[in-house]
Amino acid sequence: MNIASRQQRGVALLVVLWVLALLSLLLGGLAGWVQLESRQALWLHQNTQALMAAEAGMNMAVQGLLDPAQRKRWIADGRLVSLRMDDTQLLVSIRSERGKLDLNSAPVADISRL
C-alpha cells in the first residue's frame, strides 16, 4: 500500500464523520421544529376552545335575559352563574349598564359626588 491510498482512507473517514455530524445537527433541528409546531397546534386548539366557550357563554346569557318565562329570566345584577359546556366550566356574569354614569354627558354636580 502506498502513502497516497492511506491518506485517502483517512480523508474518507473524516468526510463520513462530518456528514454524520451534519446529519445529527439537521435531525436535532428537525426535532425541535416538530416540537414547536406541536406546541403551537396545542395552543391554537386551546385558544379556539376558549373563544368558542366565551361565545357560548355570551349567547346563553342573552338567551337567559330574553327568556319569556319571568321566573327563568336572568337578572343583570352581577352575580356569577356557573354553566357547563361539554368539558368546559363557564362562569357568566351580567351587569346592567343603567347603573353606570356617562362621564361625557353627566353634569358636573354628579361627577363631583363621586
PDB file of N, CA and C in Angstrom:
ATOM      1  N   MET A   1       0.836  -1.175   0.000  1.00  0.00           N
ATOM      2  CA  MET A   1       0.000   0.000   0.000  1.00  0.00           C
ATOM      3  C   MET A   1       0.884   1.242   0.000  1.00  0.00           C
ATOM      4  N   ASN A   2       0.536   2.131  -0.846  1.00  0.00           N
ATOM      5  CA  ASN A   2       1.351   3.338  -0.884  1.00  0.00           C
ATOM      6  C   ASN A   2       0.774   4.405   0.048  1.00  0.00           C
ATOM      7  N   ILE A   3       1.490   5.463   0.201  1.00  0.00           N
ATOM      8  CA  ILE A   3       1.126   6.521   1.149  1.00  0.00           C
ATOM      9  C   ILE A   3      -0.121   7.267   0.688  1.00  0.00           C
ATOM     10  N   ALA A   4      -0.323   7.429  -0.595  1.00  0.00           N
ATOM     11  CA  ALA A   4      -1.482   8.170  -1.119  1.00  0.00           C
ATOM     12  C   ALA A   4      -2.791   7.467  -0.782  1.00  0.00           C
ATOM     13  N   SER A   5      -2.844   6.145  -0.874  1.00  0.00           N
ATOM     14  CA  SER A   5      -4.094   5.432  -0.563  1.00  0.00           C
ATOM     15  C   SER A   5      -4.403   5.482   0.929  1.00  0.00           C
ATOM     16  N   ARG A   6      -3.372   5.476   1.775  1.00  0.00           N
ATOM     17  CA  ARG A   6      -3.604   5.604   3.220  1.00  0.00           C
ATOM     18  C   ARG A   6      -4.177   6.980   3.547  1.00  0.00           C
ATOM     19  N   GLN A   7      -3.683   8.005   2.923  1.00  0.00           N
ATOM     20  CA  GLN A   7      -4.188   9.361   3.169  1.00  0.00           C
ATOM     21  C   GLN A   7      -5.623   9.495   2.678  1.00  0.00           C
ATOM     22  N   GLN A   8      -5.952   8.820   1.575  1.00  0.00           N
ATOM     23  CA  GLN A   8      -7.318   8.886   1.066  1.00  0.00           C
ATOM     24  C   GLN A   8      -8.278   8.182   2.020  1.00  0.00           C
ATOM     25  N   ARG A   9      -7.849   7.081   2.626  1.00  0.00           N
ATOM     26  CA  ARG A   9      -8.699   6.403   3.598  1.00  0.00           C
ATOM     27  C   ARG A   9      -8.953   7.299   4.799  1.00  0.00           C
ATOM     28  N   GLY A  10      -7.982   8.011   5.218  1.00  0.00           N
ATOM     29  CA  GLY A  10      -8.149   8.946   6.330  1.00  0.00           C
ATOM     30  C   GLY A  10      -9.089  10.082   5.972  1.00  0.00           C
ATOM     31  N   VAL A  11      -9.003  10.560   4.744  1.00  0.00           N
ATOM     32  CA  VAL A  11      -9.889  11.627   4.283  1.00  0.00           C
ATOM     33  C   VAL A  11     -11.317  11.111   4.196  1.00  0.00           C
ATOM     34  N   ALA A  12     -11.494   9.884   3.717  1.00  0.00           N
ATOM     35  CA  ALA A  12     -12.837   9.303   3.617  1.00  0.00           C
ATOM     36  C   ALA A  12     -13.469   9.175   5.003  1.00  0.00           C
ATOM     37  N   LEU A  13     -12.674   8.786   5.983  1.00  0.00           N
ATOM     38  CA  LEU A  13     -13.189   8.681   7.346  1.00  0.00           C
ATOM     39  C   LEU A  13     -13.613  10.046   7.872  1.00  0.00           C
ATOM     40  N   LEU A  14     -12.820  11.073   7.609  1.00  0.00           N
ATOM     41  CA  LEU A  14     -13.179  12.422   8.039  1.00  0.00           C
ATOM     42  C   LEU A  14     -14.447  12.912   7.344  1.00  0.00           C
ATOM     43  N   VAL A  15     -14.586  12.618   6.064  1.00  0.00           N
ATOM     44  CA  VAL A  15     -15.790  13.029   5.330  1.00  0.00           C
ATOM     45  C   VAL A  15     -17.020  12.347   5.913  1.00  0.00           C
ATOM     46  N   VAL A  16     -16.914  11.060   6.207  1.00  0.00           N
ATOM     47  CA  VAL A  16     -18.041  10.328   6.796  1.00  0.00           C
ATOM     48  C   VAL A  16     -18.394  10.904   8.164  1.00  0.00           C
ATOM     49  N   LEU A  17     -17.402  11.225   8.969  1.00  0.00           N
ATOM     50  CA  LEU A  17     -17.667  11.803  10.289  1.00  0.00           C
ATOM     51  C   LEU A  17     -18.328  13.172  10.166  1.00  0.00           C
ATOM     52  N   TRP A  18     -17.882  13.998   9.217  1.00  0.00           N
ATOM     53  CA  TRP A  18     -18.502  15.311   9.003  1.00  0.00           C
ATOM     54  C   TRP A  18     -19.945  15.162   8.526  1.00  0.00           C
ATOM     55  N   VAL A  19     -20.191  14.224   7.640  1.00  0.00           N
ATOM     56  CA  VAL A  19     -21.560  14.000   7.153  1.00  0.00           C
ATOM     57  C   VAL A  19     -22.453  13.547   8.300  1.00  0.00           C
ATOM     58  N   LEU A  20     -21.949  12.654   9.148  1.00  0.00           N
ATOM     59  CA  LEU A  20     -22.733  12.207  10.305  1.00  0.00           C
ATOM     60  C   LEU A  20     -23.005  13.358  11.270  1.00  0.00           C
ATOM     61  N   ALA A  21     -22.023  14.212  11.480  1.00  0.00           N
ATOM     62  CA  ALA A  21     -22.222  15.362  12.369  1.00  0.00           C
ATOM     63  C   ALA A  21     -23.271  16.311  11.799  1.00  0.00           C
ATOM     64  N   LEU A  22     -23.200  16.579  10.498  1.00  0.00           N
ATOM     65  CA  LEU A  22     -24.185  17.461   9.869  1.00  0.00           C
ATOM     66  C   LEU A  22     -25.584  16.851   9.895  1.00  0.00           C
ATOM     67  N   LEU A  23     -25.676  15.543   9.662  1.00  0.00           N
ATOM     68  CA  LEU A  23     -26.987  14.883   9.725  1.00  0.00           C
ATOM     69  C   LEU A  23     -27.570  14.919  11.131  1.00  0.00           C
ATOM     70  N   SER A  24     -26.721  14.758  12.142  1.00  0.00           N
ATOM     71  CA  SER A  24     -27.234  14.810  13.516  1.00  0.00           C
ATOM     72  C   SER A  24     -27.712  16.220  13.857  1.00  0.00           C
ATOM     73  N   LEU A  25     -27.010  17.245  13.381  1.00  0.00           N
ATOM     74  CA  LEU A  25     -27.475  18.616  13.593  1.00  0.00           C
ATOM     75  C   LEU A  25     -28.796  18.862  12.878  1.00  0.00           C
ATOM     76  N   LEU A  26     -28.907  18.362  11.666  1.00  0.00           N
ATOM     77  CA  LEU A  26     -30.135  18.526  10.896  1.00  0.00           C
ATOM     78  C   LEU A  26     -31.309  17.827  11.584  1.00  0.00           C
ATOM     79  N   LEU A  27     -31.093  16.624  12.070  1.00  0.00           N
ATOM     80  CA  LEU A  27     -32.163  15.904  12.762  1.00  0.00           C
ATOM     81  C   LEU A  27     -32.524  16.559  14.090  1.00  0.00           C
ATOM     82  N   GLY A  28     -31.534  17.108  14.781  1.00  0.00           N
ATOM     83  CA  GLY A  28     -31.825  17.840  16.020  1.00  0.00           C
ATOM     84  C   GLY A  28     -32.676  19.064  15.752  1.00  0.00           C
ATOM     85  N   GLY A  29     -32.357  19.802  14.698  1.00  0.00           N
ATOM     86  CA  GLY A  29     -33.176  20.956  14.317  1.00  0.00           C
ATOM     87  C   GLY A  29     -34.576  20.554  13.911  1.00  0.00           C
ATOM     88  N   LEU A  30     -34.683  19.453  13.186  1.00  0.00           N
ATOM     89  CA  LEU A  30     -35.999  18.960  12.776  1.00  0.00           C
ATOM     90  C   LEU A  30     -36.832  18.550  13.990  1.00  0.00           C
ATOM     91  N   ALA A  31     -36.212  17.899  14.963  1.00  0.00           N
ATOM     92  CA  ALA A  31     -36.937  17.500  16.174  1.00  0.00           C
ATOM     93  C   ALA A  31     -37.420  18.726  16.943  1.00  0.00           C
ATOM     94  N   GLY A  32     -36.586  19.755  17.032  1.00  0.00           N
ATOM     95  CA  GLY A  32     -37.008  20.992  17.698  1.00  0.00           C
ATOM     96  C   GLY A  32     -38.148  21.666  16.966  1.00  0.00           C
ATOM     97  N   TRP A  33     -38.098  21.665  15.642  1.00  0.00           N
ATOM     98  CA  TRP A  33     -39.158  22.277  14.837  1.00  0.00           C
ATOM     99  C   TRP A  33     -40.475  21.525  15.020  1.00  0.00           C
ATOM    100  N   VAL A  34     -40.425  20.199  15.038  1.00  0.00           N
ATOM    101  CA  VAL A  34     -41.640  19.398  15.227  1.00  0.00           C
ATOM    102  C   VAL A  34     -42.234  19.661  16.606  1.00  0.00           C
ATOM    103  N   GLN A  35     -41.393  19.765  17.613  1.00  0.00           N
ATOM    104  CA  GLN A  35     -41.885  20.050  18.962  1.00  0.00           C
ATOM    105  C   GLN A  35     -42.536  21.427  19.021  1.00  0.00           C
ATOM    106  N   LEU A  36     -41.939  22.419  18.385  1.00  0.00           N
ATOM    107  CA  LEU A  36     -42.510  23.763  18.350  1.00  0.00           C
ATOM    108  C   LEU A  36     -43.851  23.770  17.618  1.00  0.00           C
ATOM    109  N   GLU A  37     -43.937  23.068  16.513  1.00  0.00           N
ATOM    110  CA  GLU A  37     -45.189  23.001  15.758  1.00  0.00           C
ATOM    111  C   GLU A  37     -46.297  22.334  16.571  1.00  0.00           C
ATOM    112  N   SER A  38     -45.955  21.290  17.310  1.00  0.00           N
ATOM    113  CA  SER A  38     -46.980  20.619  18.120  1.00  0.00           C
ATOM    114  C   SER A  38     -47.446  21.518  19.264  1.00  0.00           C
ATOM    115  N   ARG A  39     -46.529  22.293  19.853  1.00  0.00           N
ATOM    116  CA  ARG A  39     -46.936  23.245  20.895  1.00  0.00           C
ATOM    117  C   ARG A  39     -47.847  24.326  20.327  1.00  0.00           C
ATOM    118  N   GLN A  40     -47.524  24.818  19.135  1.00  0.00           N
ATOM    119  CA  GLN A  40     -48.358  25.842  18.513  1.00  0.00           C
ATOM    120  C   GLN A  40     -49.736  25.292  18.175  1.00  0.00           C
ATOM    121  N   ALA A  41     -49.802  24.057  17.717  1.00  0.00           N
ATOM    122  CA  ALA A  41     -51.095  23.449  17.407  1.00  0.00           C
ATOM    123  C   ALA A  41     -51.928  23.281  18.674  1.00  0.00           C
ATOM    124  N   LEU A  42     -51.291  22.875  19.769  1.00  0.00           N
ATOM    125  CA  LEU A  42     -51.999  22.739  21.036  1.00  0.00           C
ATOM    126  C   LEU A  42     -52.500  24.092  21.519  1.00  0.00           C
ATOM    127  N   TRP A  43     -51.661  25.134  21.422  1.00  0.00           N
ATOM    128  CA  TRP A  43     -52.074  26.474  21.832  1.00  0.00           C
ATOM    129  C   TRP A  43     -53.240  26.962  20.986  1.00  0.00           C
ATOM    130  N   LEU A  44     -53.183  26.731  19.684  1.00  0.00           N
ATOM    131  CA  LEU A  44     -54.262  27.157  18.798  1.00  0.00           C
ATOM    132  C   LEU A  44     -55.559  26.437  19.146  1.00  0.00           C
ATOM    133  N   HIS A  45     -55.471  25.154  19.455  1.00  0.00           N
ATOM    134  CA  HIS A  45     -56.660  24.388  19.842  1.00  0.00           C
ATOM    135  C   HIS A  45     -57.251  24.931  21.143  1.00  0.00           C
ATOM    136  N   GLN A  46     -56.403  25.172  22.139  1.00  0.00           N
ATOM    137  CA  GLN A  46     -56.889  25.684  23.416  1.00  0.00           C
ATOM    138  C   GLN A  46     -57.464  27.087  23.268  1.00  0.00           C
ATOM    139  N   ASN A  47     -56.835  27.922  22.453  1.00  0.00           N
ATOM    140  CA  ASN A  47     -57.320  29.273  22.232  1.00  0.00           C
ATOM    141  C   ASN A  47     -58.682  29.253  21.538  1.00  0.00           C
ATOM    142  N   THR A  48     -58.820  28.424  20.530  1.00  0.00           N
ATOM    143  CA  THR A  48     -60.097  28.309  19.820  1.00  0.00           C
ATOM    144  C   THR A  48     -61.182  27.781  20.743  1.00  0.00           C
ATOM    145  N   GLN A  49     -60.846  26.802  21.562  1.00  0.00           N
ATOM    146  CA  GLN A  49     -61.821  26.253  22.507  1.00  0.00           C
ATOM    147  C   GLN A  49     -62.257  27.317  23.516  1.00  0.00           C
ATOM    148  N   ALA A  50     -61.332  28.135  23.991  1.00  0.00           N
ATOM    149  CA  ALA A  50     -61.679  29.198  24.941  1.00  0.00           C
ATOM    150  C   ALA A  50     -62.560  30.255  24.286  1.00  0.00           C
ATOM    151  N   LEU A  51     -62.248  30.624  23.046  1.00  0.00           N
ATOM    152  CA  LEU A  51     -63.078  31.607  22.342  1.00  0.00           C
ATOM    153  C   LEU A  51     -64.490  31.082  22.107  1.00  0.00           C
ATOM    154  N   MET A  52     -64.602  29.822  21.730  1.00  0.00           N
ATOM    155  CA  MET A  52     -65.925  29.236  21.499  1.00  0.00           C
ATOM    156  C   MET A  52     -66.713  29.129  22.807  1.00  0.00           C
ATOM    157  N   ALA A  53     -66.027  28.813  23.903  1.00  0.00           N
ATOM    158  CA  ALA A  53     -66.699  28.747  25.201  1.00  0.00           C
ATOM    159  C   ALA A  53     -67.177  30.130  25.627  1.00  0.00           C
ATOM    160  N   ALA A  54     -66.366  31.166  25.392  1.00  0.00           N
ATOM    161  CA  ALA A  54     -66.777  32.532  25.740  1.00  0.00           C
ATOM    162  C   ALA A  54     -67.977  32.960  24.909  1.00  0.00           C
ATOM    163  N   GLU A  55     -67.960  32.632  23.632  1.00  0.00           N
ATOM    164  CA  GLU A  55     -69.098  32.985  22.780  1.00  0.00           C
ATOM    165  C   GLU A  55     -70.351  32.220  23.200  1.00  0.00           C
ATOM    166  N   ALA A  56     -70.191  30.961  23.572  1.00  0.00           N
ATOM    167  CA  ALA A  56     -71.334  30.184  24.045  1.00  0.00           C
ATOM    168  C   ALA A  56     -71.889  30.781  25.333  1.00  0.00           C
ATOM    169  N   GLY A  57     -71.009  31.229  26.230  1.00  0.00           N
ATOM    170  CA  GLY A  57     -71.462  31.859  27.467  1.00  0.00           C
ATOM    171  C   GLY A  57     -72.235  33.137  27.204  1.00  0.00           C
ATOM    172  N   MET A  58     -71.757  33.947  26.262  1.00  0.00           N
ATOM    173  CA  MET A  58     -72.485  35.179  25.925  1.00  0.00           C
ATOM    174  C   MET A  58     -73.848  34.858  25.312  1.00  0.00           C
ATOM    175  N   ASN A  59     -73.887  33.876  24.431  1.00  0.00           N
ATOM    176  CA  ASN A  59     -75.165  33.509  23.815  1.00  0.00           C
ATOM    177  C   ASN A  59     -76.155  32.952  24.835  1.00  0.00           C
ATOM    178  N   MET A  60     -75.654  32.163  25.785  1.00  0.00           N
ATOM    179  CA  MET A  60     -76.538  31.633  26.822  1.00  0.00           C
ATOM    180  C   MET A  60     -77.031  32.755  27.736  1.00  0.00           C
ATOM    181  N   ALA A  61     -76.189  33.755  27.979  1.00  0.00           N
ATOM    182  CA  ALA A  61     -76.609  34.894  28.801  1.00  0.00           C
ATOM    183  C   ALA A  61     -77.692  35.699  28.092  1.00  0.00           C
ATOM    184  N   VAL A  62     -77.525  35.936  26.801  1.00  0.00           N
ATOM    185  CA  VAL A  62     -78.550  36.658  26.040  1.00  0.00           C
ATOM    186  C   VAL A  62     -79.848  35.865  26.029  1.00  0.00           C
ATOM    187  N   GLN A  63     -79.736  34.566  25.848  1.00  0.00           N
ATOM    188  CA  GLN A  63     -80.931  33.719  25.871  1.00  0.00           C
ATOM    189  C   GLN A  63     -81.602  33.774  27.242  1.00  0.00           C
ATOM    190  N   GLY A  64     -80.796  33.798  28.303  1.00  0.00           N
ATOM    191  CA  GLY A  64     -81.356  33.898  29.650  1.00  0.00           C
ATOM    192  C   GLY A  64     -82.034  35.227  29.903  1.00  0.00           C
ATOM    193  N   LEU A  65     -81.494  36.298  29.340  1.00  0.00           N
ATOM    194  CA  LEU A  65     -82.119  37.616  29.503  1.00  0.00           C
ATOM    195  C   LEU A  65     -83.425  37.736  28.719  1.00  0.00           C
ATOM    196  N   LEU A  66     -83.519  37.034  27.610  1.00  0.00           N
ATOM    197  CA  LEU A  66     -84.700  37.126  26.752  1.00  0.00           C
ATOM    198  C   LEU A  66     -85.711  36.012  26.997  1.00  0.00           C
ATOM    199  N   ASP A  67     -85.518  35.234  28.043  1.00  0.00           N
ATOM    200  CA  ASP A  67     -86.433  34.117  28.316  1.00  0.00           C
ATOM    201  C   ASP A  67     -87.842  34.651  28.570  1.00  0.00           C
ATOM    202  N   PRO A  68     -88.855  34.118  27.871  1.00  0.00           N
ATOM    203  CA  PRO A  68     -90.218  34.631  28.055  1.00  0.00           C
ATOM    204  C   PRO A  68     -90.797  34.326  29.441  1.00  0.00           C
ATOM    205  N   ALA A  69     -90.331  33.270  30.069  1.00  0.00           N
ATOM    206  CA  ALA A  69     -90.824  32.948  31.412  1.00  0.00           C
ATOM    207  C   ALA A  69     -90.136  33.866  32.422  1.00  0.00           C
ATOM    208  N   GLN A  70     -90.923  34.646  33.137  1.00  0.00           N
ATOM    209  CA  GLN A  70     -90.384  35.655  34.058  1.00  0.00           C
ATOM    210  C   GLN A  70     -89.499  35.024  35.130  1.00  0.00           C
ATOM    211  N   ARG A  71     -89.889  33.884  35.666  1.00  0.00           N
ATOM    212  CA  ARG A  71     -89.117  33.302  36.768  1.00  0.00           C
ATOM    213  C   ARG A  71     -87.836  32.615  36.295  1.00  0.00           C
ATOM    214  N   LYS A  72     -87.722  32.330  35.000  1.00  0.00           N
ATOM    215  CA  LYS A  72     -86.496  31.745  34.459  1.00  0.00           C
ATOM    216  C   LYS A  72     -85.540  32.806  33.923  1.00  0.00           C
ATOM    217  N   ARG A  73     -86.003  34.021  33.801  1.00  0.00           N
ATOM    218  CA  ARG A  73     -85.199  35.091  33.214  1.00  0.00           C
ATOM    219  C   ARG A  73     -84.040  35.453  34.139  1.00  0.00           C
ATOM    220  N   TRP A  74     -82.897  35.689  33.548  1.00  0.00           N
ATOM    221  CA  TRP A  74     -81.723  36.078  34.315  1.00  0.00           C
ATOM    222  C   TRP A  74     -81.844  37.531  34.746  1.00  0.00           C
ATOM    223  N   ILE A  75     -81.282  37.828  35.909  1.00  0.00           N
ATOM    224  CA  ILE A  75     -81.281  39.192  36.432  1.00  0.00           C
ATOM    225  C   ILE A  75     -79.876  39.757  36.255  1.00  0.00           C
ATOM    226  N   ALA A  76     -79.798  40.969  35.743  1.00  0.00           N
ATOM    227  CA  ALA A  76     -78.497  41.600  35.471  1.00  0.00           C
ATOM    228  C   ALA A  76     -77.985  42.312  36.719  1.00  0.00           C
ATOM    229  N   ASP A  77     -77.672  41.531  37.742  1.00  0.00           N
ATOM    230  CA  ASP A  77     -77.203  42.120  38.998  1.00  0.00           C
ATOM    231  C   ASP A  77     -75.736  41.798  39.295  1.00  0.00           C
ATOM    232  N   GLY A  78     -75.048  41.171  38.368  1.00  0.00           N
ATOM    233  CA  GLY A  78     -73.625  40.910  38.539  1.00  0.00           C
ATOM    234  C   GLY A  78     -73.278  39.595  39.201  1.00  0.00           C
ATOM    235  N   ARG A  79     -74.269  38.813  39.596  1.00  0.00           N
ATOM    236  CA  ARG A  79     -73.942  37.534  40.238  1.00  0.00           C
ATOM    237  C   ARG A  79     -73.397  36.548  39.208  1.00  0.00           C
ATOM    238  N   LEU A  80     -72.567  35.639  39.676  1.00  0.00           N
ATOM    239  CA  LEU A  80     -71.957  34.646  38.803  1.00  0.00           C
ATOM    240  C   LEU A  80     -72.899  33.467  38.617  1.00  0.00           C
ATOM    241  N   VAL A  81     -73.061  33.061  37.374  1.00  0.00           N
ATOM    242  CA  VAL A  81     -73.855  31.883  37.038  1.00  0.00           C
ATOM    243  C   VAL A  81     -72.888  30.847  36.486  1.00  0.00           C
ATOM    244  N   SER A  82     -72.897  29.664  37.076  1.00  0.00           N
ATOM    245  CA  SER A  82     -72.000  28.601  36.644  1.00  0.00           C
ATOM    246  C   SER A  82     -72.698  27.752  35.584  1.00  0.00           C
ATOM    247  N   LEU A  83     -72.039  27.590  34.448  1.00  0.00           N
ATOM    248  CA  LEU A  83     -72.575  26.802  33.347  1.00  0.00           C
ATOM    249  C   LEU A  83     -71.557  25.751  32.939  1.00  0.00           C
ATOM    250  N   ARG A  84     -72.055  24.671  32.377  1.00  0.00           N
ATOM    251  CA  ARG A  84     -71.173  23.606  31.895  1.00  0.00           C
ATOM    252  C   ARG A  84     -71.419  23.442  30.404  1.00  0.00           C
ATOM    253  N   MET A  85     -70.359  23.515  29.617  1.00  0.00           N
ATOM    254  CA  MET A  85     -70.449  23.350  28.169  1.00  0.00           C
ATOM    255  C   MET A  85     -69.454  22.274  27.771  1.00  0.00           C
ATOM    256  N   ASP A  86     -69.945  21.092  27.418  1.00  0.00           N
ATOM    257  CA  ASP A  86     -69.099  19.932  27.124  1.00  0.00           C
ATOM    258  C   ASP A  86     -68.170  19.680  28.313  1.00  0.00           C
ATOM    259  N   ASP A  87     -66.873  19.857  28.141  1.00  0.00           N
ATOM    260  CA  ASP A  87     -65.940  19.643  29.251  1.00  0.00           C
ATOM    261  C   ASP A  87     -65.367  20.960  29.771  1.00  0.00           C
ATOM    262  N   THR A  88     -66.084  22.050  29.501  1.00  0.00           N
ATOM    263  CA  THR A  88     -65.614  23.378  29.902  1.00  0.00           C
ATOM    264  C   THR A  88     -66.550  23.979  30.938  1.00  0.00           C
ATOM    265  N   GLN A  89     -65.984  24.503  32.009  1.00  0.00           N
ATOM    266  CA  GLN A  89     -66.753  25.176  33.051  1.00  0.00           C
ATOM    267  C   GLN A  89     -66.781  26.666  32.741  1.00  0.00           C
ATOM    268  N   LEU A  90     -67.978  27.259  32.693  1.00  0.00           N
ATOM    269  CA  LEU A  90     -68.128  28.680  32.395  1.00  0.00           C
ATOM    270  C   LEU A  90     -68.688  29.404  33.607  1.00  0.00           C
ATOM    271  N   LEU A  91     -68.190  30.592  33.875  1.00  0.00           N
ATOM    272  CA  LEU A  91     -68.748  31.482  34.880  1.00  0.00           C
ATOM    273  C   LEU A  91     -69.184  32.749  34.156  1.00  0.00           C
ATOM    274  N   VAL A  92     -70.491  33.019  34.167  1.00  0.00           N
ATOM    275  CA  VAL A  92     -71.051  34.143  33.424  1.00  0.00           C
ATOM    276  C   VAL A  92     -71.628  35.141  34.412  1.00  0.00           C
ATOM    277  N   SER A  93     -71.353  36.416  34.169  1.00  0.00           N
ATOM    278  CA  SER A  93     -71.878  37.486  34.998  1.00  0.00           C
ATOM    279  C   SER A  93     -72.463  38.554  34.090  1.00  0.00           C
ATOM    280  N   ILE A  94     -73.655  39.048  34.452  1.00  0.00           N
ATOM    281  CA  ILE A  94     -74.306  40.094  33.665  1.00  0.00           C
ATOM    282  C   ILE A  94     -74.531  41.292  34.572  1.00  0.00           C
ATOM    283  N   ARG A  95     -74.141  42.472  34.086  1.00  0.00           N
ATOM    284  CA  ARG A  95     -74.353  43.712  34.834  1.00  0.00           C
ATOM    285  C   ARG A  95     -75.114  44.685  33.964  1.00  0.00           C
ATOM    286  N   SER A  96     -76.025  45.396  34.577  1.00  0.00           N
ATOM    287  CA  SER A  96     -76.820  46.383  33.860  1.00  0.00           C
ATOM    288  C   SER A  96     -75.986  47.626  33.577  1.00  0.00           C
ATOM    289  N   GLU A  97     -76.176  48.189  32.407  1.00  0.00           N
ATOM    290  CA  GLU A  97     -75.488  49.428  32.038  1.00  0.00           C
ATOM    291  C   GLU A  97     -76.190  50.649  32.617  1.00  0.00           C
ATOM    292  N   ARG A  98     -77.382  50.484  33.128  1.00  0.00           N
ATOM    293  CA  ARG A  98     -78.140  51.620  33.674  1.00  0.00           C
ATOM    294  C   ARG A  98     -77.518  52.184  34.942  1.00  0.00           C
ATOM    295  N   GLY A  99     -76.779  51.378  35.655  1.00  0.00           N
ATOM    296  CA  GLY A  99     -76.164  51.839  36.895  1.00  0.00           C
ATOM    297  C   GLY A  99     -74.869  52.599  36.688  1.00  0.00           C
ATOM    298  N   LYS A 100     -74.447  52.746  35.444  1.00  0.00           N
ATOM    299  CA  LYS A 100     -73.192  53.437  35.161  1.00  0.00           C
ATOM    300  C   LYS A 100     -73.449  54.891  34.795  1.00  0.00           C
ATOM    301  N   LEU A 101     -72.470  55.715  35.044  1.00  0.00           N
ATOM    302  CA  LEU A 101     -72.564  57.144  34.770  1.00  0.00           C
ATOM    303  C   LEU A 101     -71.744  57.466  33.526  1.00  0.00           C
ATOM    304  N   ASP A 102     -72.382  58.106  32.545  1.00  0.00           N
ATOM    305  CA  ASP A 102     -71.685  58.521  31.333  1.00  0.00           C
ATOM    306  C   ASP A 102     -70.908  59.797  31.635  1.00  0.00           C
ATOM    307  N   LEU A 103     -69.595  59.688  31.667  1.00  0.00           N
ATOM    308  CA  LEU A 103     -68.755  60.831  32.035  1.00  0.00           C
ATOM    309  C   LEU A 103     -68.783  61.940  30.994  1.00  0.00           C
ATOM    310  N   ASN A 104     -69.109  61.616  29.763  1.00  0.00           N
ATOM    311  CA  ASN A 104     -69.127  62.630  28.708  1.00  0.00           C
ATOM    312  C   ASN A 104     -70.366  63.514  28.771  1.00  0.00           C
ATOM    313  N   SER A 105     -71.472  62.975  29.259  1.00  0.00           N
ATOM    314  CA  SER A 105     -72.707  63.769  29.252  1.00  0.00           C
ATOM    315  C   SER A 105     -73.246  64.052  30.653  1.00  0.00           C
ATOM    316  N   ALA A 106     -72.539  63.635  31.683  1.00  0.00           N
ATOM    317  CA  ALA A 106     -73.022  63.831  33.053  1.00  0.00           C
ATOM    318  C   ALA A 106     -72.766  65.266  33.509  1.00  0.00           C
ATOM    319  N   PRO A 107     -73.684  65.814  34.298  1.00  0.00           N
ATOM    320  CA  PRO A 107     -73.454  67.150  34.864  1.00  0.00           C
ATOM    321  C   PRO A 107     -72.281  67.121  35.850  1.00  0.00           C
ATOM    322  N   VAL A 108     -71.666  68.264  36.034  1.00  0.00           N
ATOM    323  CA  VAL A 108     -70.512  68.375  36.925  1.00  0.00           C
ATOM    324  C   VAL A 108     -70.896  68.014  38.354  1.00  0.00           C
ATOM    325  N   ALA A 109     -72.117  68.325  38.760  1.00  0.00           N
ATOM    326  CA  ALA A 109     -72.564  68.010  40.123  1.00  0.00           C
ATOM    327  C   ALA A 109     -72.560  66.503  40.357  1.00  0.00           C
ATOM    328  N   ASP A 110     -72.999  65.735  39.353  1.00  0.00           N
ATOM    329  CA  ASP A 110     -72.995  64.271  39.503  1.00  0.00           C
ATOM    330  C   ASP A 110     -71.571  63.726  39.578  1.00  0.00           C
ATOM    331  N   ILE A 111     -70.694  64.283  38.789  1.00  0.00           N
ATOM    332  CA  ILE A 111     -69.305  63.817  38.790  1.00  0.00           C
ATOM    333  C   ILE A 111     -68.616  64.192  40.096  1.00  0.00           C
ATOM    334  N   SER A 112     -68.930  65.352  40.649  1.00  0.00           N
ATOM    335  CA  SER A 112     -68.289  65.776  41.903  1.00  0.00           C
ATOM    336  C   SER A 112     -68.743  64.923  43.083  1.00  0.00           C
ATOM    337  N   ARG A 113     -69.923  64.319  42.991  1.00  0.00           N
ATOM    338  CA  ARG A 113     -70.395  63.447  44.081  1.00  0.00           C
ATOM    339  C   ARG A 113     -69.659  62.111  44.099  1.00  0.00           C
ATOM    340  N   LEU A 114     -68.963  61.791  43.040  1.00  0.00           N
ATOM    341  CA  LEU A 114     -68.205  60.539  43.013  1.00  0.00           C
ATOM    342  C   LEU A 114     -67.007  60.703  43.881  1.00  0.00           C
TER     343      LEU A 114
END
